């Protein structure tokens, strides 16, 4: 089960409040501003700053 478009429309980065986008491989949600990637586990986005990894 993929992340729904409606959910993606309301989710924002908990740190900088910018939009997040689904990564191409579906492994996480990437913030467009601070480049943090929040993992997706069991089809549930883990939107915790401590769980995020910074990617360029």
N, C-alpha and C. Protein backbone atom coordinates (compact mmCIF):
# COMPACT_ATOMS: atom_id res chain seq x y z
N UNK A 1 0.85 -1.19 0.00
CA UNK A 1 0.00 0.00 0.00
C UNK A 1 0.89 1.24 0.00
N UNK A 2 0.67 2.12 -0.94
CA UNK A 2 1.47 3.34 -1.06
C UNK A 2 0.87 4.47 -0.23
N UNK A 3 1.67 5.49 -0.02
CA UNK A 3 1.20 6.68 0.68
C UNK A 3 0.21 7.40 -0.25
N UNK A 4 -0.95 7.76 0.28
CA UNK A 4 -1.97 8.39 -0.55
C UNK A 4 -1.60 9.85 -0.86
N UNK A 5 -2.09 10.32 -1.98
CA UNK A 5 -1.86 11.71 -2.40
C UNK A 5 -2.44 12.68 -1.38
N UNK A 6 -3.59 12.34 -0.79
CA UNK A 6 -4.21 13.20 0.22
C UNK A 6 -3.32 13.36 1.44
N UNK A 7 -2.69 12.27 1.87
CA UNK A 7 -1.79 12.33 3.01
C UNK A 7 -0.56 13.16 2.68
N UNK A 8 0.01 12.96 1.49
CA UNK A 8 1.18 13.74 1.09
C UNK A 8 0.88 15.24 1.02
N UNK A 9 -0.35 15.58 0.68
CA UNK A 9 -0.74 16.99 0.59
C UNK A 9 -0.74 17.69 1.94
N UNK A 10 -0.96 16.94 3.02
CA UNK A 10 -1.04 17.59 4.34
C UNK A 10 0.22 17.42 5.19
N UNK A 11 1.09 16.48 4.82
CA UNK A 11 2.31 16.28 5.60
C UNK A 11 3.34 17.36 5.30
N UNK A 12 4.01 17.83 6.35
CA UNK A 12 5.11 18.78 6.22
C UNK A 12 6.26 18.32 7.11
N UNK A 13 7.43 18.83 6.85
CA UNK A 13 8.59 18.54 7.68
C UNK A 13 8.35 19.08 9.08
N UNK A 14 8.50 18.26 10.12
CA UNK A 14 8.26 18.76 11.48
C UNK A 14 9.30 19.78 11.94
N UNK A 15 10.46 19.84 11.28
CA UNK A 15 11.49 20.79 11.68
C UNK A 15 11.28 22.16 11.05
N UNK A 16 11.18 22.20 9.72
CA UNK A 16 11.11 23.51 9.04
C UNK A 16 9.75 23.82 8.42
N UNK A 17 8.81 22.88 8.52
CA UNK A 17 7.43 23.05 8.03
C UNK A 17 7.32 23.17 6.51
N UNK A 18 8.34 22.72 5.79
CA UNK A 18 8.30 22.74 4.32
C UNK A 18 7.64 21.46 3.80
N UNK A 19 7.34 21.46 2.53
CA UNK A 19 6.70 20.33 1.87
C UNK A 19 7.65 19.13 1.85
N UNK A 20 7.07 17.93 1.97
CA UNK A 20 7.84 16.70 1.80
C UNK A 20 7.36 15.99 0.55
N UNK A 21 8.29 15.31 -0.11
CA UNK A 21 7.97 14.56 -1.33
C UNK A 21 8.41 13.12 -1.16
N UNK A 22 7.66 12.22 -1.76
CA UNK A 22 7.99 10.81 -1.73
C UNK A 22 9.24 10.57 -2.57
N UNK A 23 10.23 9.85 -1.99
CA UNK A 23 11.43 9.51 -2.75
C UNK A 23 11.06 8.55 -3.87
N UNK A 24 11.84 8.55 -4.94
CA UNK A 24 11.55 7.71 -6.11
C UNK A 24 11.46 6.24 -5.75
N UNK A 25 12.31 5.78 -4.81
CA UNK A 25 12.29 4.37 -4.45
C UNK A 25 11.23 4.04 -3.39
N UNK A 26 10.50 5.07 -2.92
CA UNK A 26 9.42 4.85 -1.96
C UNK A 26 9.87 4.56 -0.54
N UNK A 27 11.16 4.77 -0.26
CA UNK A 27 11.69 4.42 1.06
C UNK A 27 11.48 5.50 2.11
N UNK A 28 11.12 6.71 1.69
CA UNK A 28 10.95 7.78 2.66
C UNK A 28 10.36 9.03 2.04
N UNK A 29 10.15 10.01 2.90
CA UNK A 29 9.65 11.32 2.49
C UNK A 29 10.76 12.33 2.68
N UNK A 30 11.09 13.06 1.64
CA UNK A 30 12.21 14.01 1.68
C UNK A 30 11.70 15.44 1.71
N UNK A 31 12.23 16.21 2.65
CA UNK A 31 11.89 17.63 2.77
C UNK A 31 12.57 18.40 1.65
N UNK A 32 11.83 19.30 1.01
CA UNK A 32 12.38 20.07 -0.10
C UNK A 32 13.30 21.19 0.38
N UNK A 33 13.23 21.57 1.65
CA UNK A 33 14.05 22.66 2.16
C UNK A 33 15.30 22.17 2.88
N UNK A 34 15.14 21.37 3.92
CA UNK A 34 16.28 20.97 4.76
C UNK A 34 16.86 19.61 4.35
N UNK A 35 16.24 18.95 3.38
CA UNK A 35 16.72 17.69 2.78
C UNK A 35 16.75 16.52 3.77
N UNK A 36 15.96 16.59 4.82
CA UNK A 36 15.84 15.44 5.72
C UNK A 36 14.92 14.41 5.08
N UNK A 37 15.27 13.14 5.26
CA UNK A 37 14.46 12.05 4.74
C UNK A 37 13.87 11.30 5.92
N UNK A 38 12.54 11.30 5.98
CA UNK A 38 11.81 10.60 7.03
C UNK A 38 11.43 9.22 6.51
N UNK A 39 11.80 8.18 7.25
CA UNK A 39 11.56 6.82 6.74
C UNK A 39 10.08 6.44 6.72
N UNK A 40 9.76 5.48 5.88
CA UNK A 40 8.43 4.89 5.84
C UNK A 40 8.58 3.45 6.29
N UNK A 41 7.89 3.09 7.37
CA UNK A 41 7.96 1.73 7.90
C UNK A 41 6.55 1.15 7.95
N UNK A 42 6.38 0.00 7.35
CA UNK A 42 5.07 -0.67 7.29
C UNK A 42 4.00 0.27 6.74
N UNK A 43 4.37 1.00 5.69
CA UNK A 43 3.48 1.96 5.01
C UNK A 43 3.07 3.14 5.88
N UNK A 44 3.82 3.41 6.96
CA UNK A 44 3.51 4.54 7.84
C UNK A 44 4.72 5.47 7.88
N UNK A 45 4.55 6.75 7.51
CA UNK A 45 5.67 7.69 7.58
C UNK A 45 6.04 7.97 9.04
N UNK A 46 7.33 7.88 9.34
CA UNK A 46 7.82 8.16 10.69
C UNK A 46 8.35 9.60 10.67
N UNK A 47 7.50 10.53 11.08
CA UNK A 47 7.81 11.96 10.99
C UNK A 47 8.44 12.48 12.29
N UNK A 48 9.51 11.82 12.72
CA UNK A 48 10.24 12.22 13.91
C UNK A 48 11.61 12.75 13.47
N UNK A 49 11.97 13.93 13.96
CA UNK A 49 13.24 14.56 13.57
C UNK A 49 14.41 13.64 13.88
N UNK A 50 14.37 12.97 15.02
CA UNK A 50 15.47 12.08 15.41
C UNK A 50 15.62 10.87 14.49
N UNK A 51 14.57 10.49 13.80
CA UNK A 51 14.61 9.34 12.89
C UNK A 51 15.06 9.72 11.48
N UNK A 52 15.09 11.01 11.17
CA UNK A 52 15.40 11.48 9.82
C UNK A 52 16.91 11.46 9.56
N UNK A 53 17.24 11.27 8.30
CA UNK A 53 18.64 11.36 7.85
C UNK A 53 18.72 12.47 6.81
N UNK A 54 19.80 13.22 6.85
CA UNK A 54 19.96 14.33 5.90
C UNK A 54 20.62 13.81 4.62
N UNK A 55 19.99 14.10 3.49
CA UNK A 55 20.48 13.71 2.16
C UNK A 55 20.58 14.95 1.29
N UNK A 56 21.52 14.94 0.41
CA UNK A 56 21.63 16.06 -0.54
C UNK A 56 20.94 15.77 -1.83
